[in-house]
Structures are given as C-alpha cells and as structure tokens.
C-alpha cells in the first residue's frame, strides 16, 4: 500500500483547529513506511511438566513497545519473568508444564511473533497445549477497574480467582481479536485480565505515546495484578482435574445460535444446528458431572478415584477445540483471520445482510450461500484433535 498514514494527537489536533479558525492553514506531512522480511527475536521460557510430553499452558505478552512502553507492555513483561522464575522453582508441584513467550511484532507486525509461533509449533500446540493466558497492560497507576476477556470455558475459574484475590465480582466479556490472540485456530481456551484507570481519573491517556514511561507503573498495582495471574496459573497448572467448563462453552454456543435465529426470522432455519447443540450439551453435562463428582465424594469420579492426569486434561480440551474454532474463527485452523474483531460465531455474521436486503437482490443470495456453508461448518461432526 502507498497511502500515507499519520496519527495526530489530541493536543496537536486542537492546535490545528485553532489555526484553522483564524484562516487558511498549510500543512506539510511526511511519512516513512518500510515493509519486508525482518529477523525478530522471540524469547521463550519453558518449565517442563512431569514428563517431556506432558500437556502445558502457554502464557505470553508482547515485548515490543511504542516509545518507552512502561505499562504497554513493560509491567507485564516483568511479571511474566518473575512468574516464570517462581513456577520453575516449584516445578515439582506442577501437574502440567508452562511455556512463557515474549512476542515481537505485536503492533508493527500485527501479532507477527505469536502467529509465527503457531506456524512453527502447530502440532505441539494442537496435541498438548491446554490454554493461552495473555499478559497486557499490568501495573497501571491508579488502576481501579477489573475486567477480563475470557472464553466461557475459563470464565468461572477467572471470576473465582479474582473474587478470592481481590474481593470483587469480575465482569467478563468474550475475547476480541487483539493482544496476540493468534491461537483461535488451534482452539485454545483463552483469558486476559484487565486492570485499568477509570475515565473520570483520566483514563489510559498515555497509551502509545512517549509519556508511557516507568513512572506510570505503580509497584503496588503491579504486585496485585501479578498475584492474580499467579493464582490463575497455579490453578491451571496444579489442580488434579483441569479446571475448564465444557457446559459453559456449549451453553454460550447455544445462546448465540438463539440470538441469530431471532435476528434471521424466517430467512434462515437454524433448527438443525440448535438440535445438535442441545444434544452436545446433554453429553458434556454428563462428562462435567463425572468430573465434578469428587467434590461430593463420588468414588467413581476422576477426582476421587485418582483417575486423572494428562489424558483427562487433553480429552477435555479436545472437546473444546472445535467449539472454540467455530466461535472465534472464520478461516479455520490453518489460516489466521485478519487482526480485526468479528464477534462470536462470525460465520453467521451474514445474517445481518439477510434482514437488510430484499430476497431478489444479489446481496441477499450471496448471504444465503455464505450462511449455508457456515452451517455445514458448524453442524457437521468435527473430530477433535
């Protein structure tokens, strides 16, 4: 592309507006854009599990920064390093491995580092990875508001940990397409905690500016944020039965299908997809009851009988993988989607075109064709990895 792009800060924009109010203004703009293949350094710390082929949790955060990058993403980088050291010291207590990666190319390569990692480690991620935990924006001074981007499968765990550590009820939302979320095609459960300033306190005004310096990082806030991530990772790495919710994910799929059916009306019939979702929900509820029975003392449950381990961990995530791909990708497992947010279950986004166009138009017929193909993708039995 040859179109020049320039960002104008609010203060500069106000100055230009003031000049324009006085009369004609002449502005000279120059930009420099360099594209091409570049070698980047991707740092990885690996804390192995009990065996060389044990399942593992992937944690990551971007290393590159705009200017000094105090809170974006220096605080998170420090937390990742200290947590890697801590879990390495206590590796004998872990049931699962931990891989920590500092991603290059986050902004200027639009998730180049994490996308490259998926390409190079696809088979290992597909067969042994259990989740992706993203570190972003930790330690912001005067941070007061907690929230989380998290897949439904990890939402209960995330809310429980934040309630224990911070004493609040955490608001959660589905992940968008940001923060090196390059693992949707692999089908990994995902979570990211956000702890930020309130708008009335000035908000995150220094983001992506030269003012994002070390003084914007509050050590006390950074300690709180790191403790939350430590507690989440400890649960993911050391609990006897891997703490994901199958039912929450299938219920989430069902709620979105119902919403799309209501929006489509008579233009599209999602009855078969909804029937398959209900049957799947009945199945995963039985699985979840068997797993959770240990808390009630059921001797037949995995948690009580000792029948737990990597096979159970991997089986749970194998059920989730195709569901996550349907919920969060358009291009399937092998080709990353553009780095823009398409919402949940993006394959049915064309429903909006059905309701906005007359059935005689090309746009309506193209939308129907696209949706038929998407329904095949959603409804056909998918063999999990």
Protein backbone atom coordinates (compact mmCIF):
# COMPACT_ATOMS: atom_id res chain seq x y z
CA UNK A 1 0.00 0.00 0.00
CA UNK A 2 1.22 3.51 -0.83
CA UNK A 3 -1.41 5.53 1.05
CA UNK A 4 0.36 7.62 3.73
CA UNK A 5 -0.92 7.19 7.28
CA UNK A 6 -0.30 9.59 10.16
CA UNK A 7 -1.72 9.78 13.68
CA UNK A 8 -2.44 13.19 15.18
CA UNK A 9 -2.51 13.64 18.94
CA UNK A 10 -5.44 15.44 20.54
CA UNK A 11 -3.22 18.35 21.59
CA UNK A 12 -1.89 18.79 18.05
CA UNK A 13 -5.39 18.46 16.64
CA UNK A 14 -6.66 21.19 18.96
CA UNK A 15 -3.81 23.45 17.83
CA UNK A 16 -4.66 22.83 14.17
CA UNK A 17 -8.32 23.57 14.82
CA UNK A 18 -7.39 26.84 16.48
CA UNK A 19 -5.22 27.83 13.50
CA UNK A 20 -7.98 26.89 11.05
CA UNK A 21 -10.42 29.09 12.94
CA UNK A 22 -8.18 32.04 12.08
CA UNK A 23 -7.93 31.32 8.36
CA UNK A 24 -6.30 29.10 5.74
CA UNK A 25 -3.59 26.75 7.03
CA UNK A 26 -0.91 24.95 5.03
CA UNK A 27 0.45 21.70 6.50
CA UNK A 28 3.38 19.60 5.32
CA UNK A 29 3.21 15.89 6.17
CA UNK A 30 5.94 13.31 5.62
CA UNK A 31 5.76 9.58 6.43
CA UNK A 32 8.15 6.70 6.07
CA UNK A 33 6.95 3.13 5.79
CA UNK A 34 9.29 0.21 5.37
CA UNK A 35 7.95 -3.25 4.58
CA UNK A 36 9.80 -6.51 4.15
CA UNK A 37 11.03 -9.63 5.89
CA UNK A 38 12.83 -8.89 9.15
CA UNK A 39 14.54 -11.13 11.70
CA UNK A 40 12.91 -10.76 15.13
CA UNK A 41 13.89 -12.20 18.49
CA UNK A 42 11.23 -14.28 20.21
CA UNK A 43 12.09 -15.10 23.83
CA UNK A 44 10.66 -18.28 25.35
CA UNK A 45 10.95 -19.76 28.85
CA UNK A 46 9.93 -23.40 29.23
CA UNK A 47 9.10 -25.04 32.57
CA UNK A 48 8.54 -28.71 31.69
CA UNK A 49 5.76 -30.76 33.20
CA UNK A 50 6.29 -34.09 34.98
CA UNK A 51 7.17 -35.75 31.65
CA UNK A 52 8.67 -34.48 28.42
CA UNK A 53 5.35 -34.88 26.59
CA UNK A 54 3.13 -33.50 29.37
CA UNK A 55 0.37 -31.03 28.49
CA UNK A 56 1.24 -27.38 29.02
CA UNK A 57 -0.27 -23.94 29.41
CA UNK A 58 1.03 -21.18 27.14
CA UNK A 59 1.38 -17.69 28.62
CA UNK A 60 2.51 -14.67 26.63
CA UNK A 61 2.65 -10.94 26.22
CA UNK A 62 4.15 -8.66 23.61
CA UNK A 63 7.70 -7.38 24.02
CA UNK A 64 7.73 -4.54 21.51
CA UNK A 65 6.53 -1.09 22.55
CA UNK A 66 5.65 2.35 21.28
CA UNK A 67 8.41 4.56 22.67
CA UNK A 68 9.31 3.54 26.27
CA UNK A 69 6.40 1.17 26.89
CA UNK A 70 6.22 1.41 30.69
CA UNK A 71 2.73 -0.05 31.06
CA UNK A 72 2.41 -1.30 27.49
CA UNK A 73 3.97 -3.70 27.99
CA UNK A 74 6.89 -3.34 30.40
CA UNK A 75 4.97 -4.11 33.59
CA UNK A 76 3.56 -7.28 32.08
CA UNK A 77 6.98 -8.35 30.79
CA UNK A 78 8.43 -8.07 34.32
CA UNK A 79 5.53 -10.05 35.79
CA UNK A 80 5.96 -12.79 33.19
CA UNK A 81 9.66 -13.11 34.02
CA UNK A 82 9.10 -13.32 37.77
CA UNK A 83 6.29 -15.85 37.38
CA UNK A 84 8.45 -17.99 35.09
CA UNK A 85 11.15 -17.98 37.79
CA UNK A 86 8.64 -18.77 40.55
CA UNK A 87 6.99 -21.68 38.75
CA UNK A 88 10.40 -23.02 37.76
CA UNK A 89 11.36 -23.10 41.46
CA UNK A 90 8.20 -25.02 42.30
CA UNK A 91 8.08 -27.24 39.22
CA UNK A 92 7.91 -30.39 41.37
CA UNK A 93 4.39 -29.33 42.40
CA UNK A 94 3.13 -28.89 38.83
CA UNK A 95 0.97 -31.42 37.00
CA UNK A 96 1.34 -29.53 33.72
CA UNK A 97 4.11 -27.60 32.01
CA UNK A 98 4.30 -23.86 31.45
CA UNK A 99 5.65 -22.05 28.40
CA UNK A 100 6.12 -18.26 28.67
CA UNK A 101 6.72 -16.27 25.48
CA UNK A 102 7.58 -12.61 24.89
CA UNK A 103 6.11 -11.82 21.48
CA UNK A 104 7.79 -9.47 18.96
CA UNK A 105 5.90 -7.80 16.13
CA UNK A 106 2.75 -7.08 18.12
CA UNK A 107 1.88 -3.69 16.65
CA UNK A 108 4.19 -3.25 13.68
CA UNK A 109 3.70 -6.86 12.55
CA UNK A 110 0.11 -7.20 13.80
CA UNK A 111 0.84 -10.23 16.00
CA UNK A 112 3.72 -11.44 13.84
CA UNK A 113 5.56 -13.19 16.70
CA UNK A 114 2.66 -15.21 18.04
CA UNK A 115 1.44 -16.03 14.52
CA UNK A 116 4.92 -17.30 13.61
CA UNK A 117 4.94 -19.37 16.79
CA UNK A 118 1.65 -21.03 15.85
CA UNK A 119 3.02 -21.84 12.40
CA UNK A 120 6.22 -23.35 13.82
CA UNK A 121 4.66 -25.16 16.82
CA UNK A 122 1.26 -26.02 15.42
CA UNK A 123 1.42 -29.75 16.05
CA UNK A 124 2.66 -29.40 19.64
CA UNK A 125 0.04 -26.75 20.37
CA UNK A 126 -2.70 -28.85 18.83
CA UNK A 127 -1.73 -32.00 20.71
CA UNK A 128 -0.54 -30.73 24.09
CA UNK A 129 -1.47 -27.08 24.74
CA UNK A 130 -4.34 -26.50 27.16
CA UNK A 131 -4.86 -22.71 27.23
CA UNK A 132 -3.41 -19.35 26.30
CA UNK A 133 -3.06 -16.73 29.07
CA UNK A 134 -2.26 -13.23 27.81
CA UNK A 135 -0.45 -10.53 29.83
CA UNK A 136 -1.28 -6.98 28.80
CA UNK A 137 -1.06 -3.56 30.46
CA UNK A 138 -0.21 -4.68 34.01
CA UNK A 139 0.67 -2.22 36.77
CA UNK A 140 -1.13 0.93 35.59
CA UNK A 141 -1.01 3.65 38.22
CA UNK A 142 -4.33 4.38 39.94
CA UNK A 143 -5.93 1.33 38.32
CA UNK A 144 -9.33 0.64 39.89
CA UNK A 145 -11.44 -1.27 37.37
CA UNK A 146 -11.02 -5.01 36.83
CA UNK A 147 -12.46 -6.86 33.85
CA UNK A 148 -11.48 -9.85 31.74
CA UNK A 149 -11.60 -11.07 28.18
CA UNK A 150 -12.11 -14.78 28.57
CA UNK A 151 -13.62 -17.74 26.76
CA UNK A 152 -16.64 -19.25 28.51
CA UNK A 153 -14.61 -22.37 29.33
CA UNK A 154 -12.34 -20.38 31.69
CA UNK A 155 -14.77 -17.67 32.86
CA UNK A 156 -15.85 -19.44 36.07
CA UNK A 157 -12.24 -20.07 37.08
CA UNK A 158 -11.23 -16.46 36.34
CA UNK A 159 -14.13 -15.00 38.32
CA UNK A 160 -13.48 -17.31 41.28
CA UNK A 161 -9.77 -16.41 41.46
CA UNK A 162 -10.39 -12.66 41.22
CA UNK A 163 -13.06 -12.93 43.92
CA UNK A 164 -10.58 -14.72 46.20
CA UNK A 165 -7.64 -12.43 45.45
CA UNK A 166 -9.31 -9.03 45.13
CA UNK A 167 -12.77 -9.49 46.62
CA UNK A 168 -14.83 -8.30 43.64
CA UNK A 169 -17.29 -9.81 41.18
CA UNK A 170 -15.40 -9.67 37.91
CA UNK A 171 -17.21 -8.54 34.74
CA UNK A 172 -16.18 -10.68 31.77
CA UNK A 173 -16.60 -10.48 28.01
CA UNK A 174 -15.72 -12.81 25.11
CA UNK A 175 -12.27 -12.28 23.59
CA UNK A 176 -11.94 -9.92 20.68
CA UNK A 177 -9.12 -10.03 18.14
CA UNK A 178 -6.33 -8.28 19.97
CA UNK A 179 -3.46 -8.88 22.38
CA UNK A 180 -1.75 -11.58 20.33
CA UNK A 181 -4.80 -13.80 20.29
CA UNK A 182 -3.33 -15.89 17.49
CA UNK A 183 -4.44 -19.23 18.92
CA UNK A 184 -8.10 -19.35 17.94
CA UNK A 185 -7.38 -21.65 15.01
CA UNK A 186 -5.67 -24.11 17.35
CA UNK A 187 -8.78 -23.90 19.51
CA UNK A 188 -7.18 -22.87 22.81
CA UNK A 189 -9.21 -21.55 25.75
CA UNK A 190 -8.07 -18.01 26.43
CA UNK A 191 -8.06 -15.46 29.23
CA UNK A 192 -6.70 -11.96 29.83
CA UNK A 193 -7.20 -9.80 32.91
CA UNK A 194 -7.56 -6.03 32.50
CA UNK A 195 -6.93 -3.68 35.43
CA UNK A 196 -7.16 -0.07 34.32
CA UNK A 197 -7.84 3.52 35.35
CA UNK A 198 -11.32 4.98 35.39
CA UNK A 199 -12.29 7.54 32.78
CA UNK A 200 -13.01 10.09 35.49
CA UNK A 201 -9.42 9.70 36.72
CA UNK A 202 -8.07 10.50 33.27
CA UNK A 203 -8.15 7.02 31.78
CA UNK A 204 -5.25 5.41 29.98
CA UNK A 205 -4.24 8.70 28.36
CA UNK A 206 -0.54 7.90 27.91
CA UNK A 207 -1.16 4.72 25.87
CA UNK A 208 1.01 4.55 22.71
CA UNK A 209 2.66 7.90 23.45
CA UNK A 210 6.17 8.92 24.59
CA UNK A 211 4.63 9.51 28.05
CA UNK A 212 4.26 5.77 28.74
CA UNK A 213 7.31 5.83 31.00
CA UNK A 214 8.31 3.97 34.13
CA UNK A 215 6.55 6.45 36.41
CA UNK A 216 3.19 5.25 35.05
CA UNK A 217 3.83 1.82 36.61
CA UNK A 218 2.69 1.53 40.23
CA UNK A 219 4.57 -1.26 42.05
CA UNK A 220 1.61 -2.00 44.35
CA UNK A 221 -0.80 -2.32 41.45
CA UNK A 222 1.72 -4.46 39.57
CA UNK A 223 2.01 -6.77 42.62
CA UNK A 224 -1.79 -7.13 42.76
CA UNK A 225 -2.02 -7.87 39.04
CA UNK A 226 0.83 -10.38 39.22
CA UNK A 227 -0.74 -12.13 42.22
CA UNK A 228 -3.98 -12.59 40.28
CA UNK A 229 -2.15 -14.12 37.32
CA UNK A 230 -0.07 -16.29 39.68
CA UNK A 231 -3.23 -17.66 41.29
CA UNK A 232 -4.86 -18.37 37.93
CA UNK A 233 -1.77 -20.12 36.59
CA UNK A 234 -1.40 -22.12 39.80
CA UNK A 235 -4.93 -23.47 39.36
CA UNK A 236 -4.34 -24.25 35.69
CA UNK A 237 -1.00 -25.95 36.34
CA UNK A 238 -1.56 -27.83 39.59
CA UNK A 239 -5.21 -28.79 40.11
CA UNK A 240 -5.89 -32.55 39.87
CA UNK A 241 -8.59 -32.12 37.22
CA UNK A 242 -8.01 -29.38 34.67
CA UNK A 243 -10.42 -26.53 35.62
CA UNK A 244 -12.28 -25.84 32.39
CA UNK A 245 -16.03 -25.78 31.90
CA UNK A 246 -17.39 -27.72 28.96
CA UNK A 247 -21.00 -26.82 29.70
CA UNK A 248 -20.33 -23.06 29.75
CA UNK A 249 -18.88 -23.20 26.25
CA UNK A 250 -21.72 -25.24 24.77
CA UNK A 251 -24.28 -23.04 26.53
CA UNK A 252 -22.57 -19.98 25.05
CA UNK A 253 -22.78 -21.51 21.58
CA UNK A 254 -26.49 -22.17 22.12
CA UNK A 255 -27.25 -18.64 23.29
CA UNK A 256 -25.59 -17.14 20.20
CA UNK A 257 -27.46 -19.52 17.89
CA UNK A 258 -30.74 -18.47 19.51
CA UNK A 259 -29.85 -14.80 19.04
CA UNK A 260 -29.01 -15.35 15.37
CA UNK A 261 -32.23 -17.31 14.80
CA UNK A 262 -34.26 -14.48 16.32
CA UNK A 263 -32.43 -11.96 14.13
CA UNK A 264 -32.85 -14.04 10.96
CA UNK A 265 -36.52 -14.89 11.49
CA UNK A 266 -37.92 -16.88 8.56
CA UNK A 267 -34.93 -16.06 6.34
CA UNK A 268 -32.76 -18.80 7.85
CA UNK A 269 -33.52 -22.04 9.69
CA UNK A 270 -31.04 -22.90 12.45
CA UNK A 271 -33.15 -25.74 13.86
CA UNK A 272 -30.63 -28.47 12.98
CA UNK A 273 -27.71 -26.55 14.49
CA UNK A 274 -29.72 -25.89 17.65
CA UNK A 275 -30.75 -29.54 17.92
CA UNK A 276 -27.12 -30.64 17.65
CA UNK A 277 -26.13 -28.06 20.25
CA UNK A 278 -28.74 -29.42 22.68
CA UNK A 279 -27.55 -32.99 22.22
CA UNK A 280 -23.96 -31.91 22.75
CA UNK A 281 -24.96 -30.02 25.90
CA UNK A 282 -26.56 -33.15 27.36
CA UNK A 283 -23.38 -35.09 26.67
CA UNK A 284 -20.95 -32.57 28.16
CA UNK A 285 -23.16 -32.18 31.24
CA UNK A 286 -22.73 -35.88 31.91
CA UNK A 287 -18.97 -35.52 31.47
CA UNK A 288 -18.89 -32.50 33.78
CA UNK A 289 -20.92 -34.30 36.46
CA UNK A 290 -18.48 -37.20 36.37
CA UNK A 291 -15.56 -34.82 36.76
CA UNK A 292 -17.16 -32.71 39.50
CA UNK A 293 -18.37 -35.70 41.49
CA UNK A 294 -15.16 -35.75 43.50
CA UNK A 295 -16.28 -32.69 45.43
CA UNK A 296 -19.33 -34.65 46.61
CA UNK A 297 -17.29 -37.72 47.48
CA UNK A 298 -18.33 -39.84 44.50
CA UNK A 299 -15.79 -42.70 44.45
CA UNK A 300 -16.36 -43.20 40.73
CA UNK A 301 -15.27 -39.68 39.78
CA UNK A 302 -11.81 -38.95 38.38
CA UNK A 303 -11.02 -36.60 41.26
CA UNK A 304 -11.87 -39.22 43.92
CA UNK A 305 -10.57 -42.37 42.30
CA UNK A 306 -7.26 -40.96 41.14
CA UNK A 307 -8.27 -41.50 37.50
CA UNK A 308 -6.94 -38.17 36.36
CA UNK A 309 -3.90 -36.97 34.53
CA UNK A 310 -2.79 -35.78 31.12
CA UNK A 311 -5.25 -38.00 29.28
CA UNK A 312 -8.21 -36.34 31.02
CA UNK A 313 -6.73 -32.85 30.55
CA UNK A 314 -6.22 -33.39 26.83
CA UNK A 315 -9.61 -35.03 26.37
CA UNK A 316 -11.36 -32.01 27.88
CA UNK A 317 -9.57 -29.55 25.63
CA UNK A 318 -10.07 -31.85 22.63
CA UNK A 319 -13.81 -31.39 23.13
CA UNK A 320 -13.37 -27.62 23.33
CA UNK A 321 -11.07 -27.12 20.33
CA UNK A 322 -13.62 -27.41 17.51
CA UNK A 323 -16.11 -25.36 19.53
CA UNK A 324 -13.61 -22.54 20.01
CA UNK A 325 -12.72 -22.57 16.33
CA UNK A 326 -16.39 -22.19 15.37
CA UNK A 327 -16.93 -19.49 17.99
CA UNK A 328 -13.89 -17.37 17.14
CA UNK A 329 -12.60 -18.01 13.61
CA UNK A 330 -13.66 -17.57 10.02
CA UNK A 331 -10.65 -19.04 8.22
CA UNK A 332 -10.44 -22.35 10.06
CA UNK A 333 -7.48 -23.83 11.93
CA UNK A 334 -4.68 -23.24 9.42
CA UNK A 335 -5.06 -19.65 8.18
CA UNK A 336 -5.19 -16.75 10.67
CA UNK A 337 -8.03 -14.29 10.31
CA UNK A 338 -7.30 -10.58 9.81
CA UNK A 339 -6.45 -8.77 13.05
CA UNK A 340 -9.92 -7.28 13.49
CA UNK A 341 -12.74 -8.33 15.81
CA UNK A 342 -15.57 -10.17 14.07
CA UNK A 343 -17.54 -11.06 17.21
CA UNK A 344 -18.55 -14.51 18.43
CA UNK A 345 -19.66 -17.12 15.88
CA UNK A 346 -18.51 -14.90 12.99
CA UNK A 347 -19.57 -17.44 10.38
CA UNK A 348 -23.17 -16.27 10.93
CA UNK A 349 -22.45 -12.54 10.66
CA UNK A 350 -24.08 -12.54 7.22
CA UNK A 351 -27.47 -12.87 8.97
CA UNK A 352 -27.49 -9.08 9.08
CA UNK A 353 -27.34 -8.97 5.27
CA UNK A 354 -30.40 -11.22 5.02
CA UNK A 355 -32.56 -8.94 7.10
CA UNK A 356 -31.28 -5.76 5.42
CA UNK A 357 -31.81 -6.79 1.77
CA UNK A 358 -34.68 -7.89 -0.42
CA UNK A 359 -34.64 -11.62 -1.36
CA UNK A 360 -34.43 -10.69 -5.03
CA UNK A 361 -31.06 -8.95 -4.64
CA UNK A 362 -27.61 -10.39 -5.21
CA UNK A 363 -26.52 -9.39 -1.71
CA UNK A 364 -29.33 -11.48 -0.19
CA UNK A 365 -28.48 -14.54 -2.28
CA UNK A 366 -24.74 -14.22 -1.59
CA UNK A 367 -25.51 -14.02 2.12
CA UNK A 368 -27.71 -17.14 1.99
CA UNK A 369 -24.96 -19.06 0.20
CA UNK A 370 -22.36 -17.97 2.72
CA UNK A 371 -24.62 -18.94 5.61
CA UNK A 372 -25.36 -22.38 4.16
CA UNK A 373 -21.63 -23.09 4.02
CA UNK A 374 -21.17 -21.77 7.56
CA UNK A 375 -23.94 -24.04 8.85
CA UNK A 376 -22.20 -27.04 7.33
CA UNK A 377 -19.05 -25.98 9.21
CA UNK A 378 -20.98 -25.53 12.47
CA UNK A 379 -23.21 -28.58 12.28
CA UNK A 380 -21.04 -31.33 10.82
CA UNK A 381 -19.41 -33.66 13.34
CA UNK A 382 -15.84 -32.49 13.84
CA UNK A 383 -13.26 -34.94 15.08
CA UNK A 384 -11.35 -33.20 17.87
CA UNK A 385 -7.57 -33.41 17.96
